[in-house]
Amino acid sequence: MTTPRQTSSLDKTYVREPDPAKNLLLLFSVVFLLLLLTALAPFTPSAYADESDFIGHWNLTLLDVNGYASAWLEITPAVSTNTSGRLVWIFGGAEPLEDISIAEDVLTFSHPFMGKRLRFTAQYANGALSGTATDHDSTIRWIGARAPDLRAPALLRQENPVALFTGHTLSGWTLRNGSPPSCWHAEAGILFNDRSCADLKSNGDFMNFRLALEFRLDDEGGSGVYLRGRYEVQIANDENRQPSTRSTGAIFGHLAPNVSAGKKPGEWQTLEITLIGRAVTVWLNHRLVIVSEQIPGPTGAALDSDEERPGPIMLQGDHGRVSFRNIVITPLLEDAP
């Protein structure tokens, strides 16, 4: 039989009833502290972006500008401790960055452009860039989005070939700004421009395709064929010259042809181009000059930098007189497995 335990005075000190007033004070203190931390949160400095956050390819869009608004930026980790990169700024090819620096969450670099020296400043936040390009008397604001992978579809279905140019009218074509193509003409199966004319784009948009056409330079100038309105296949007066990223058949400023296959002005030449994702293959005058190489990003004077969307075929017309004929595209559509 268990004998009832006597409660000592020591036991009574540990079994006292809780004090409601003290508990209420403790609860009030905790709530006040949480409210104070919440109020101070907007004024607490955020963690700086890591240098690696800036690495990669960026598709840029210029803000508050009329006309050309596309650019492209590449930031790469160098072998040494310094970071390097390249820029396509509105026109031209991909040029190396100068005076590049990444400090805390700010990227800065310099870039010569049309006789000026632009100073670029960009900040990284939430996976995107926002920045400015400034010279001594003007500032351009811009934003940057990471370039998409553009992986090639596993299965593609070849559609029927489509003639983009009928040979008799300019039906299906407009200038790059959407205006009627008054400075381009169609005669006897040939599409040609006036000197110093604007670029001409197809009304239809395409993503993956094969494109075949013939072209002829009618003076000492040049031209180009833009794929999706973003990647220029160069047309130049460069017969028998060393291949470069500015040679006929090049992806302007990005990819050079492996051989020089261009002809002199006045002769008809052929281009056959296959574009799937970022992979491009180019035949110039029946010679394979680029073999399934990846296009890094938009070239100079692109219509836009939204690479995930299909785009038109665009013919450059502001670098001299050029003629085209037999422009035929074969769409390659993604097929379900």
C-alpha atoms as a PDB file:
ATOM      1  CA  MET A   1       0.000   0.000   0.000  1.00  0.00           C
ATOM      2  CA  THR A   2       1.434   3.336  -1.023  1.00  0.00           C
ATOM      3  CA  THR A   3       1.729   5.962   1.646  1.00  0.00           C
ATOM      4  CA  PRO A   4       0.606   9.454   0.553  1.00  0.00           C
ATOM      5  CA  ARG A   5       3.602  11.749  -0.012  1.00  0.00           C
ATOM      6  CA  GLN A   6       3.799  14.851   2.116  1.00  0.00           C
ATOM      7  CA  THR A   7       4.375  18.076   0.212  1.00  0.00           C
ATOM      8  CA  SER A   8       7.373  19.969   1.499  1.00  0.00           C
ATOM      9  CA  SER A   9       7.961  23.708   1.399  1.00  0.00           C
ATOM     10  CA  LEU A  10      10.579  23.102  -1.367  1.00  0.00           C
ATOM     11  CA  ASP A  11       7.964  21.374  -3.526  1.00  0.00           C
ATOM     12  CA  LYS A  12       5.635  24.286  -3.217  1.00  0.00           C
ATOM     13  CA  THR A  13       8.176  26.622  -4.861  1.00  0.00           C
ATOM     14  CA  TYR A  14       7.978  24.609  -8.130  1.00  0.00           C
ATOM     15  CA  VAL A  15       4.266  24.083  -8.319  1.00  0.00           C
ATOM     16  CA  ARG A  16       3.119  27.692  -8.031  1.00  0.00           C
ATOM     17  CA  GLU A  17       0.302  28.723 -10.333  1.00  0.00           C
ATOM     18  CA  PRO A  18       1.386  30.856 -13.417  1.00  0.00           C
ATOM     19  CA  ASP A  19       1.129  34.618 -13.108  1.00  0.00           C
ATOM     20  CA  PRO A  20      -1.249  35.891 -15.881  1.00  0.00           C
ATOM     21  CA  ALA A  21       0.186  39.401 -15.766  1.00  0.00           C
ATOM     22  CA  LYS A  22       3.747  38.239 -16.440  1.00  0.00           C
ATOM     23  CA  ASN A  23       2.676  35.978 -19.318  1.00  0.00           C
ATOM     24  CA  LEU A  24       0.811  38.851 -20.943  1.00  0.00           C
ATOM     25  CA  LEU A  25       3.885  41.073 -20.643  1.00  0.00           C
ATOM     26  CA  LEU A  26       6.096  38.403 -22.267  1.00  0.00           C
ATOM     27  CA  LEU A  27       3.621  37.961 -25.156  1.00  0.00           C
ATOM     28  CA  PHE A  28       3.472  41.719 -25.707  1.00  0.00           C
ATOM     29  CA  SER A  29       7.311  41.915 -25.830  1.00  0.00           C
ATOM     30  CA  VAL A  30       7.573  39.165 -28.473  1.00  0.00           C
ATOM     31  CA  VAL A  31       4.888  40.736 -30.689  1.00  0.00           C
ATOM     32  CA  PHE A  32       6.503  44.180 -30.394  1.00  0.00           C
ATOM     33  CA  LEU A  33       9.897  42.755 -31.426  1.00  0.00           C
ATOM     34  CA  LEU A  34       8.394  41.051 -34.500  1.00  0.00           C
ATOM     35  CA  LEU A  35       6.620  44.233 -35.553  1.00  0.00           C
ATOM     36  CA  LEU A  36       9.836  46.216 -35.149  1.00  0.00           C
ATOM     37  CA  LEU A  37      11.830  43.776 -37.307  1.00  0.00           C
ATOM     38  CA  THR A  38       9.132  43.869 -39.996  1.00  0.00           C
ATOM     39  CA  ALA A  39       9.175  47.662 -40.073  1.00  0.00           C
ATOM     40  CA  LEU A  40      12.955  47.804 -40.383  1.00  0.00           C
ATOM     41  CA  ALA A  41      13.186  45.121 -43.120  1.00  0.00           C
ATOM     42  CA  PRO A  42      12.919  47.561 -46.129  1.00  0.00           C
ATOM     43  CA  PHE A  43      15.862  49.544 -44.732  1.00  0.00           C
ATOM     44  CA  THR A  44      18.097  46.501 -44.265  1.00  0.00           C
ATOM     45  CA  PRO A  45      20.734  46.284 -47.038  1.00  0.00           C
ATOM     46  CA  SER A  46      20.112  43.308 -49.373  1.00  0.00           C
ATOM     47  CA  ALA A  47      22.821  40.815 -50.184  1.00  0.00           C
ATOM     48  CA  TYR A  48      24.946  41.856 -53.118  1.00  0.00           C
ATOM     49  CA  ALA A  49      24.758  39.862 -56.339  1.00  0.00           C
ATOM     50  CA  ASP A  50      27.570  37.401 -56.803  1.00  0.00           C
ATOM     51  CA  GLU A  51      29.970  38.020 -59.690  1.00  0.00           C
ATOM     52  CA  SER A  52      28.847  34.742 -61.248  1.00  0.00           C
ATOM     53  CA  ASP A  53      25.307  36.151 -61.547  1.00  0.00           C
ATOM     54  CA  PHE A  54      26.523  38.402 -64.375  1.00  0.00           C
ATOM     55  CA  ILE A  55      28.187  35.576 -66.355  1.00  0.00           C
ATOM     56  CA  GLY A  56      26.434  34.500 -69.542  1.00  0.00           C
ATOM     57  CA  HIS A  57      24.675  35.843 -72.625  1.00  0.00           C
ATOM     58  CA  TRP A  58      22.201  38.700 -72.265  1.00  0.00           C
ATOM     59  CA  ASN A  59      19.654  39.951 -74.780  1.00  0.00           C
ATOM     60  CA  LEU A  60      19.314  43.704 -74.363  1.00  0.00           C
ATOM     61  CA  THR A  61      16.421  46.021 -75.203  1.00  0.00           C
ATOM     62  CA  LEU A  62      16.974  49.773 -75.376  1.00  0.00           C
ATOM     63  CA  LEU A  63      14.271  51.911 -73.779  1.00  0.00           C
ATOM     64  CA  ASP A  64      12.836  55.248 -74.888  1.00  0.00           C
ATOM     65  CA  VAL A  65      14.460  55.143 -78.333  1.00  0.00           C
ATOM     66  CA  ASN A  66      13.054  55.429 -81.842  1.00  0.00           C
ATOM     67  CA  GLY A  67      14.084  52.785 -84.351  1.00  0.00           C
ATOM     68  CA  TYR A  68      16.842  50.310 -83.545  1.00  0.00           C
ATOM     69  CA  ALA A  69      16.425  48.985 -80.002  1.00  0.00           C
ATOM     70  CA  SER A  70      18.218  45.630 -79.892  1.00  0.00           C
ATOM     71  CA  ALA A  71      21.647  44.755 -78.463  1.00  0.00           C
ATOM     72  CA  TRP A  72      23.532  41.749 -77.084  1.00  0.00           C
ATOM     73  CA  LEU A  73      25.992  41.314 -74.215  1.00  0.00           C
ATOM     74  CA  GLU A  74      28.340  38.476 -73.293  1.00  0.00           C
ATOM     75  CA  ILE A  75      30.113  38.279 -69.915  1.00  0.00           C
ATOM     76  CA  THR A  76      32.663  35.485 -69.529  1.00  0.00           C
ATOM     77  CA  PRO A  77      35.048  34.451 -66.747  1.00  0.00           C
ATOM     78  CA  ALA A  78      38.600  34.928 -68.010  1.00  0.00           C
ATOM     79  CA  VAL A  79      41.535  32.567 -67.420  1.00  0.00           C
ATOM     80  CA  SER A  80      43.055  35.187 -65.137  1.00  0.00           C
ATOM     81  CA  THR A  81      41.249  36.894 -62.265  1.00  0.00           C
ATOM     82  CA  ASN A  82      39.718  39.437 -64.636  1.00  0.00           C
ATOM     83  CA  THR A  83      36.325  39.118 -66.275  1.00  0.00           C
ATOM     84  CA  SER A  84      35.933  39.696 -70.020  1.00  0.00           C
ATOM     85  CA  GLY A  85      33.088  40.063 -72.487  1.00  0.00           C
ATOM     86  CA  ARG A  86      31.734  41.280 -75.827  1.00  0.00           C
ATOM     87  CA  LEU A  87      28.965  43.635 -76.901  1.00  0.00           C
ATOM     88  CA  VAL A  88      26.800  44.127 -79.987  1.00  0.00           C
ATOM     89  CA  TRP A  89      25.518  47.670 -79.517  1.00  0.00           C
ATOM     90  CA  ILE A  90      22.756  48.490 -82.017  1.00  0.00           C
ATOM     91  CA  PHE A  91      24.955  48.145 -85.146  1.00  0.00           C
ATOM     92  CA  GLY A  92      28.185  46.322 -85.918  1.00  0.00           C
ATOM     93  CA  GLY A  93      29.657  43.067 -84.728  1.00  0.00           C
ATOM     94  CA  ALA A  94      30.485  41.638 -81.323  1.00  0.00           C
ATOM     95  CA  GLU A  95      33.329  43.779 -79.945  1.00  0.00           C
ATOM     96  CA  PRO A  96      35.434  43.224 -76.783  1.00  0.00           C
ATOM     97  CA  LEU A  97      34.490  45.163 -73.668  1.00  0.00           C
ATOM     98  CA  GLU A  98      36.936  47.689 -72.245  1.00  0.00           C
ATOM     99  CA  ASP A  99      37.624  48.613 -68.592  1.00  0.00           C
ATOM    100  CA  ILE A 100      35.227  45.942 -67.365  1.00  0.00           C
ATOM    101  CA  SER A 101      34.624  45.718 -63.623  1.00  0.00           C
ATOM    102  CA  ILE A 102      32.167  43.992 -61.288  1.00  0.00           C
ATOM    103  CA  ALA A 103      32.003  45.482 -57.798  1.00  0.00           C
ATOM    104  CA  GLU A 104      29.329  44.325 -55.355  1.00  0.00           C
ATOM    105  CA  ASP A 105      26.177  44.256 -57.525  1.00  0.00           C
ATOM    106  CA  VAL A 106      27.284  46.709 -60.240  1.00  0.00           C
ATOM    107  CA  LEU A 107      28.814  45.901 -63.643  1.00  0.00           C
ATOM    108  CA  THR A 108      30.676  48.679 -65.476  1.00  0.00           C
ATOM    109  CA  PHE A 109      32.549  48.773 -68.787  1.00  0.00           C
ATOM    110  CA  SER A 110      33.359  51.045 -71.736  1.00  0.00           C
ATOM    111  CA  HIS A 111      32.592  50.661 -75.441  1.00  0.00           C
ATOM    112  CA  PRO A 112      33.537  52.857 -78.432  1.00  0.00           C
ATOM    113  CA  PHE A 113      30.563  53.553 -80.703  1.00  0.00           C
ATOM    114  CA  MET A 114      30.304  55.898 -83.712  1.00  0.00           C
ATOM    115  CA  GLY A 115      33.143  58.141 -82.582  1.00  0.00           C
ATOM    116  CA  LYS A 116      31.992  58.255 -78.978  1.00  0.00           C
ATOM    117  CA  ARG A 117      33.083  56.385 -75.886  1.00  0.00           C
ATOM    118  CA  LEU A 118      30.090  55.034 -74.021  1.00  0.00           C
ATOM    119  CA  ARG A 119      30.241  54.183 -70.340  1.00  0.00           C
ATOM    120  CA  PHE A 120      27.951  51.332 -69.311  1.00  0.00           C
ATOM    121  CA  THR A 121      26.619  50.669 -65.820  1.00  0.00           C
ATOM    122  CA  ALA A 122      24.345  47.742 -64.995  1.00  0.00           C
ATOM    123  CA  GLN A 123      22.799  46.205 -61.911  1.00  0.00           C
ATOM    124  CA  TYR A 124      21.629  42.628 -61.402  1.00  0.00           C
ATOM    125  CA  ALA A 125      18.361  41.812 -59.645  1.00  0.00           C
ATOM    126  CA  ASN A 126      15.921  38.898 -59.828  1.00  0.00           C
ATOM    127  CA  GLY A 127      17.710  37.258 -62.758  1.00  0.00           C
ATOM    128  CA  ALA A 128      17.746  40.360 -64.983  1.00  0.00           C
ATOM    129  CA  LEU A 129      19.925  43.366 -65.749  1.00  0.00           C
ATOM    130  CA  SER A 130      19.006  47.036 -65.850  1.00  0.00           C
ATOM    131  CA  GLY A 131      21.481  49.679 -66.896  1.00  0.00           C
ATOM    132  CA  THR A 132      22.481  52.793 -68.765  1.00  0.00           C
ATOM    133  CA  ALA A 133      24.853  53.733 -71.595  1.00  0.00           C
ATOM    134  CA  THR A 134      26.168  57.269 -71.186  1.00  0.00           C
ATOM    135  CA  ASP A 135      28.407  59.637 -73.121  1.00  0.00           C
ATOM    136  CA  HIS A 136      29.133  63.295 -72.404  1.00  0.00           C
ATOM    137  CA  ASP A 137      25.704  64.536 -73.543  1.00  0.00           C
ATOM    138  CA  SER A 138      23.187  61.666 -73.524  1.00  0.00           C
ATOM    139  CA  THR A 139      22.036  58.572 -71.629  1.00  0.00           C
ATOM    140  CA  ILE A 140      20.226  55.492 -72.935  1.00  0.00           C
ATOM    141  CA  ARG A 141      18.443  53.177 -70.519  1.00  0.00           C
ATOM    142  CA  TRP A 142      18.289  49.467 -71.254  1.00  0.00           C
ATOM    143  CA  ILE A 143      17.211  46.157 -69.745  1.00  0.00           C
ATOM    144  CA  GLY A 144      18.696  42.706 -70.213  1.00  0.00           C
ATOM    145  CA  ALA A 145      17.210  39.201 -70.098  1.00  0.00           C
ATOM    146  CA  ARG A 146      19.199  35.973 -70.080  1.00  0.00           C
ATOM    147  CA  ALA A 147      19.415  34.426 -73.537  1.00  0.00           C
ATOM    148  CA  PRO A 148      17.341  31.241 -73.891  1.00  0.00           C
ATOM    149  CA  ASP A 149      18.928  27.886 -74.725  1.00  0.00           C
ATOM    150  CA  LEU A 150      16.886  27.427 -77.940  1.00  0.00           C
ATOM    151  CA  ARG A 151      17.451  23.695 -77.893  1.00  0.00           C
ATOM    152  CA  ALA A 152      16.635  21.964 -81.149  1.00  0.00           C
ATOM    153  CA  PRO A 153      13.390  19.946 -81.118  1.00  0.00           C
ATOM    154  CA  ALA A 154      13.846  16.178 -80.995  1.00  0.00           C
ATOM    155  CA  LEU A 155      11.580  15.665 -84.008  1.00  0.00           C
ATOM    156  CA  LEU A 156      10.914  18.010 -86.911  1.00  0.00           C
ATOM    157  CA  ARG A 157       8.403  17.718 -89.720  1.00  0.00           C
ATOM    158  CA  GLN A 158       9.225  19.299 -93.092  1.00  0.00           C
ATOM    159  CA  GLU A 159       6.372  21.363 -94.496  1.00  0.00           C
ATOM    160  CA  ASN A 160       5.860  22.208 -98.156  1.00  0.00           C
ATOM    161  CA  PRO A 161       8.211  24.859 -99.587  1.00  0.00           C
ATOM    162  CA  VAL A 162       6.800  28.390 -99.711  1.00  0.00           C
ATOM    163  CA  ALA A 163       7.822  31.004-102.289  1.00  0.00           C
ATOM    164  CA  LEU A 164       8.271  34.254-100.349  1.00  0.00           C
ATOM    165  CA  PHE A 165       8.648  36.249-103.562  1.00  0.00           C
ATOM    166  CA  THR A 166       6.274  35.629-106.455  1.00  0.00           C
ATOM    167  CA  GLY A 167       8.543  37.362-108.963  1.00  0.00           C
ATOM    168  CA  HIS A 168       5.953  39.936-109.964  1.00  0.00           C
ATOM    169  CA  THR A 169       4.721  41.870-106.894  1.00  0.00           C
ATOM    170  CA  LEU A 170       5.861  42.878-103.423  1.00  0.00           C
ATOM    171  CA  SER A 171       2.889  41.147-101.837  1.00  0.00           C
ATOM    172  CA  GLY A 172       3.876  39.685 -98.464  1.00  0.00           C
ATOM    173  CA  TRP A 173       6.664  42.222 -97.790  1.00  0.00           C
ATOM    174  CA  THR A 174       6.921  45.486 -95.856  1.00  0.00           C
ATOM    175  CA  LEU A 175       9.733  47.734 -94.687  1.00  0.00           C
ATOM    176  CA  ARG A 176      11.210  46.965 -91.266  1.00  0.00           C
ATOM    177  CA  ASN A 177       9.108  49.760 -89.739  1.00  0.00           C
ATOM    178  CA  GLY A 178       5.921  48.331 -91.246  1.00  0.00           C
ATOM    179  CA  SER A 179       5.607  50.893 -94.048  1.00  0.00           C
ATOM    180  CA  PRO A 180       4.858  49.922 -97.662  1.00  0.00           C
ATOM    181  CA  PRO A 181       8.024  48.936 -99.592  1.00  0.00           C
ATOM    182  CA  SER A 182       8.090  51.946-101.921  1.00  0.00           C
ATOM    183  CA  CYS A 183      11.867  51.839-102.412  1.00  0.00           C
ATOM    184  CA  TRP A 184      11.897  48.163-103.453  1.00  0.00           C
ATOM    185  CA  HIS A 185      10.693  46.936-106.830  1.00  0.00           C
ATOM    186  CA  ALA A 186       9.704  43.711-108.566  1.00  0.00           C
ATOM    187  CA  GLU A 187      10.431  43.260-112.256  1.00  0.00           C
ATOM    188  CA  ALA A 188      10.922  40.184-114.411  1.00  0.00           C
ATOM    189  CA  GLY A 189      11.232  37.837-111.449  1.00  0.00           C
ATOM    190  CA  ILE A 190      13.782  40.017-109.608  1.00  0.00           C
ATOM    191  CA  LEU A 191      13.371  41.871-106.302  1.00  0.00           C
ATOM    192  CA  PHE A 192      15.706  44.877-106.051  1.00  0.00           C
ATOM    193  CA  ASN A 193      16.148  48.103-104.090  1.00  0.00           C
ATOM    194  CA  ASP A 194      17.004  51.708-104.753  1.00  0.00           C
ATOM    195  CA  ARG A 195      20.333  52.989-103.466  1.00  0.00           C
ATOM    196  CA  SER A 196      20.323  53.665 -99.693  1.00  0.00           C
ATOM    197  CA  CYS A 197      16.940  52.015 -99.270  1.00  0.00           C
ATOM    198  CA  ALA A 198      15.470  50.588 -96.045  1.00  0.00           C
ATOM    199  CA  ASP A 199      15.453  46.929 -95.000  1.00  0.00           C
ATOM    200  CA  LEU A 200      12.624  44.733 -96.295  1.00  0.00           C
ATOM    201  CA  LYS A 201      10.977  41.994 -94.193  1.00  0.00           C
ATOM    202  CA  SER A 202       8.540  39.209 -94.889  1.00  0.00           C
ATOM    203  CA  ASN A 203       5.099  39.452 -93.326  1.00  0.00           C
ATOM    204  CA  GLY A 204       5.332  35.810 -92.273  1.00  0.00           C
ATOM    205  CA  ASP A 205       7.353  34.657 -89.253  1.00  0.00           C
ATOM    206  CA  PHE A 206       9.374  31.455 -89.045  1.00  0.00           C
ATOM    207  CA  MET A 207      11.257  29.561 -86.313  1.00  0.00           C
ATOM    208  CA  ASN A 208      13.044  26.525 -87.775  1.00  0.00           C
ATOM    209  CA  PHE A 209      13.455  26.311 -91.532  1.00  0.00           C
ATOM    210  CA  ARG A 210      15.512  25.864 -94.667  1.00  0.00           C
ATOM    211  CA  LEU A 211      15.914  28.980 -96.812  1.00  0.00           C
ATOM    212  CA  ALA A 212      17.174  29.107-100.386  1.00  0.00           C
ATOM    213  CA  LEU A 213      17.664  32.231-102.494  1.00  0.00           C
ATOM    214  CA  GLU A 214      19.824  33.878-105.130  1.00  0.00           C
ATOM    215  CA  PHE A 215      21.373  37.331-104.757  1.00  0.00           C
ATOM    216  CA  ARG A 216      23.461  39.752-106.796  1.00  0.00           C
ATOM    217  CA  LEU A 217      25.352  42.823-105.645  1.00  0.00           C
ATOM    218  CA  ASP A 218      24.662  45.607-108.135  1.00  0.00           C
ATOM    219  CA  ASP A 219      27.402  47.978-106.910  1.00  0.00           C
ATOM    220  CA  GLU A 220      30.358  47.973-104.511  1.00  0.00           C
ATOM    221  CA  GLY A 221      28.138  47.959-101.413  1.00  0.00           C
ATOM    222  CA  GLY A 222      26.794  45.016 -99.459  1.00  0.00           C
ATOM    223  CA  SER A 223      23.689  43.493 -97.949  1.00  0.00           C
ATOM    224  CA  GLY A 224      22.547  40.723 -95.657  1.00  0.00           C
ATOM    225  CA  VAL A 225      19.797  38.191 -95.037  1.00  0.00           C
ATOM    226  CA  TYR A 226      18.379  38.243 -91.497  1.00  0.00           C
ATOM    227  CA  LEU A 227      17.086  34.956 -90.099  1.00  0.00           C
ATOM    228  CA  ARG A 228      14.097  35.441 -87.758  1.00  0.00           C
ATOM    229  CA  GLY A 229      14.899  39.127 -88.193  1.00  0.00           C
ATOM    230  CA  ARG A 230      17.793  38.717 -85.697  1.00  0.00           C
ATOM    231  CA  TYR A 231      20.771  36.900 -87.239  1.00  0.00           C
ATOM    232  CA  GLU A 232      22.388  38.430 -90.306  1.00  0.00           C
ATOM    233  CA  VAL A 233      23.965  36.203 -92.922  1.00  0.00           C
ATOM    234  CA  GLN A 234      26.430  38.630 -94.450  1.00  0.00           C
ATOM    235  CA  ILE A 235      26.584  39.560 -98.142  1.00  0.00           C
ATOM    236  CA  ALA A 236      29.759  41.486 -98.978  1.00  0.00           C
ATOM    237  CA  ASN A 237      32.011  42.490-101.842  1.00  0.00           C
ATOM    238  CA  ASP A 238      34.851  40.179-100.768  1.00  0.00           C
ATOM    239  CA  GLU A 239      35.808  37.827-103.609  1.00  0.00           C
ATOM    240  CA  ASN A 240      38.920  35.765-102.748  1.00  0.00           C
ATOM    241  CA  ARG A 241      39.503  37.538 -99.434  1.00  0.00           C
ATOM    242  CA  GLN A 242      40.465  35.852 -96.176  1.00  0.00           C
ATOM    243  CA  PRO A 243      37.315  34.571 -94.409  1.00  0.00           C
ATOM    244  CA  SER A 244      36.176  36.589 -91.395  1.00  0.00           C
ATOM    245  CA  THR A 245      33.038  37.307 -89.409  1.00  0.00           C
ATOM    246  CA  ARG A 246      32.304  40.012 -92.007  1.00  0.00           C
ATOM    247  CA  SER A 247      32.693  37.805 -95.089  1.00  0.00           C
ATOM    248  CA  THR A 248      29.880  36.687 -97.373  1.00  0.00           C
ATOM    249  CA  GLY A 249      28.186  33.709 -95.720  1.00  0.00           C
ATOM    250  CA  ALA A 250      29.232  34.728 -92.186  1.00  0.00           C
ATOM    251  CA  ILE A 251      26.828  35.217 -89.295  1.00  0.00           C
ATOM    252  CA  PHE A 252      27.840  38.849 -89.072  1.00  0.00           C
ATOM    253  CA  GLY A 253      30.186  39.581 -86.200  1.00  0.00           C
ATOM    254  CA  HIS A 254      29.771  36.104 -84.688  1.00  0.00           C
ATOM    255  CA  LEU A 255      30.656  33.187 -86.987  1.00  0.00           C
ATOM    256  CA  ALA A 256      33.127  33.183 -89.882  1.00  0.00           C
ATOM    257  CA  PRO A 257      32.810  30.899 -92.931  1.00  0.00           C
ATOM    258  CA  ASN A 258      35.474  28.221 -93.166  1.00  0.00           C
ATOM    259  CA  VAL A 259      36.313  29.124 -96.791  1.00  0.00           C
ATOM    260  CA  SER A 260      35.949  32.170 -99.019  1.00  0.00           C
ATOM    261  CA  ALA A 261      33.266  31.324-101.577  1.00  0.00           C
ATOM    262  CA  GLY A 262      31.896  34.735-102.592  1.00  0.00           C
ATOM    263  CA  LYS A 263      31.870  36.097-106.126  1.00  0.00           C
ATOM    264  CA  LYS A 264      32.400  39.591-107.480  1.00  0.00           C
ATOM    265  CA  PRO A 265      29.551  42.124-107.866  1.00  0.00           C
ATOM    266  CA  GLY A 266      27.359  41.647-110.926  1.00  0.00           C
ATOM    267  CA  GLU A 267      27.301  37.821-110.654  1.00  0.00           C
ATOM    268  CA  TRP A 268      24.370  35.844-109.316  1.00  0.00           C
ATOM    269  CA  GLN A 269      25.182  33.843-106.176  1.00  0.00           C
ATOM    270  CA  THR A 270      23.287  31.247-104.137  1.00  0.00           C
ATOM    271  CA  LEU A 271      22.618  30.912-100.427  1.00  0.00           C
ATOM    272  CA  GLU A 272      21.124  27.847 -98.760  1.00  0.00           C
ATOM    273  CA  ILE A 273      20.615  28.156 -95.013  1.00  0.00           C
ATOM    274  CA  THR A 274      19.238  25.786 -92.389  1.00  0.00           C
ATOM    275  CA  LEU A 275      18.382  27.184 -88.949  1.00  0.00           C
ATOM    276  CA  ILE A 276      17.235  24.873 -86.136  1.00  0.00           C
ATOM    277  CA  GLY A 277      17.279  26.340 -82.649  1.00  0.00           C
ATOM    278  CA  ARG A 278      20.639  28.136 -82.568  1.00  0.00           C
ATOM    279  CA  ALA A 279      22.323  25.726 -84.975  1.00  0.00           C
ATOM    280  CA  VAL A 280      22.963  27.210 -88.412  1.00  0.00           C
ATOM    281  CA  THR A 281      24.344  25.600 -91.572  1.00  0.00           C
ATOM    282  CA  VAL A 282      25.223  27.769 -94.585  1.00  0.00           C
ATOM    283  CA  TRP A 283      25.964  26.795 -98.186  1.00  0.00           C
ATOM    284  CA  LEU A 284      27.357  29.615-100.342  1.00  0.00           C
ATOM    285  CA  ASN A 285      27.596  29.007-104.087  1.00  0.00           C
ATOM    286  CA  HIS A 286      27.220  25.273-103.431  1.00  0.00           C
ATOM    287  CA  ARG A 287      30.108  25.212-100.948  1.00  0.00           C
ATOM    288  CA  LEU A 288      29.528  24.324 -97.280  1.00  0.00           C
ATOM    289  CA  VAL A 289      30.915  27.305 -95.359  1.00  0.00           C
ATOM    290  CA  ILE A 290      29.304  26.964 -91.880  1.00  0.00           C
ATOM    291  CA  VAL A 291      28.471  23.536 -90.464  1.00  0.00           C
ATOM    292  CA  SER A 292      25.843  23.366 -87.719  1.00  0.00           C
ATOM    293  CA  GLU A 293      27.417  26.062 -85.534  1.00  0.00           C
ATOM    294  CA  GLN A 294      25.647  27.716 -82.605  1.00  0.00           C
ATOM    295  CA  ILE A 295      24.724  31.376 -83.082  1.00  0.00           C
ATOM    296  CA  PRO A 296      25.597  33.145 -79.793  1.00  0.00           C
ATOM    297  CA  GLY A 297      22.959  35.853 -80.097  1.00  0.00           C
ATOM    298  CA  PRO A 298      21.407  38.629 -82.197  1.00  0.00           C
ATOM    299  CA  THR A 299      23.611  40.514 -84.639  1.00  0.00           C
ATOM    300  CA  GLY A 300      23.741  44.253 -85.285  1.00  0.00           C
ATOM    301  CA  ALA A 301      20.528  45.981 -86.459  1.00  0.00           C
ATOM    302  CA  ALA A 302      18.315  43.068 -85.413  1.00  0.00           C
ATOM    303  CA  LEU A 303      14.595  43.738 -85.336  1.00  0.00           C
ATOM    304  CA  ASP A 304      14.427  42.699 -81.673  1.00  0.00           C
ATOM    305  CA  SER A 305      16.227  40.520 -79.127  1.00  0.00           C
ATOM    306  CA  ASP A 306      13.351  38.183 -78.213  1.00  0.00           C
ATOM    307  CA  GLU A 307      15.040  34.992 -79.387  1.00  0.00           C
ATOM    308  CA  GLU A 308      12.351  32.584 -78.220  1.00  0.00           C
ATOM    309  CA  ARG A 309       9.870  33.895 -80.772  1.00  0.00           C
ATOM    310  CA  PRO A 310       9.746  33.153 -84.517  1.00  0.00           C
ATOM    311  CA  GLY A 311      10.611  36.066 -86.789  1.00  0.00           C
ATOM    312  CA  PRO A 312      10.610  37.182 -90.425  1.00  0.00           C
ATOM    313  CA  ILE A 313      13.160  36.902 -93.191  1.00  0.00           C
ATOM    314  CA  MET A 314      14.642  40.374 -93.645  1.00  0.00           C
ATOM    315  CA  LEU A 315      16.726  41.660 -96.568  1.00  0.00           C
ATOM    316  CA  GLN A 316      19.179  44.457 -95.821  1.00  0.00           C
ATOM    317  CA  GLY A 317      18.809  47.354 -98.220  1.00  0.00           C
ATOM    318  CA  ASP A 318      20.716  50.306 -96.746  1.00  0.00           C
ATOM    319  CA  HIS A 319      24.295  49.324 -97.717  1.00  0.00           C
ATOM    320  CA  GLY A 320      24.037  49.469-101.500  1.00  0.00           C
ATOM    321  CA  ARG A 321      22.052  48.140-104.431  1.00  0.00           C
ATOM    322  CA  VAL A 322      21.222  44.443-104.298  1.00  0.00           C
ATOM    323  CA  SER A 323      18.911  42.081-106.158  1.00  0.00           C
ATOM    324  CA  PHE A 324      17.229  38.843-105.035  1.00  0.00           C
ATOM    325  CA  ARG A 325      15.276  36.126-106.776  1.00  0.00           C
ATOM    326  CA  ASN A 326      13.880  32.614-106.164  1.00  0.00           C
ATOM    327  CA  ILE A 327      13.376  33.160-102.418  1.00  0.00           C
ATOM    328  CA  VAL A 328      11.931  29.893-101.081  1.00  0.00           C
ATOM    329  CA  ILE A 329      11.504  28.811 -97.436  1.00  0.00           C
ATOM    330  CA  THR A 330      10.711  25.334 -96.141  1.00  0.00           C
ATOM    331  CA  PRO A 331       9.331  25.454 -92.586  1.00  0.00           C
ATOM    332  CA  LEU A 332      10.476  22.742 -90.182  1.00  0.00           C
ATOM    333  CA  LEU A 333       7.774  22.241 -87.555  1.00  0.00           C
ATOM    334  CA  GLU A 334       8.191  20.461 -84.247  1.00  0.00           C
ATOM    335  CA  ASP A 335       6.519  17.072 -84.356  1.00  0.00           C
ATOM    336  CA  ALA A 336       5.121  15.176 -81.388  1.00  0.00           C
ATOM    337  CA  PRO A 337       7.057  11.986 -80.537  1.00  0.00           C
END
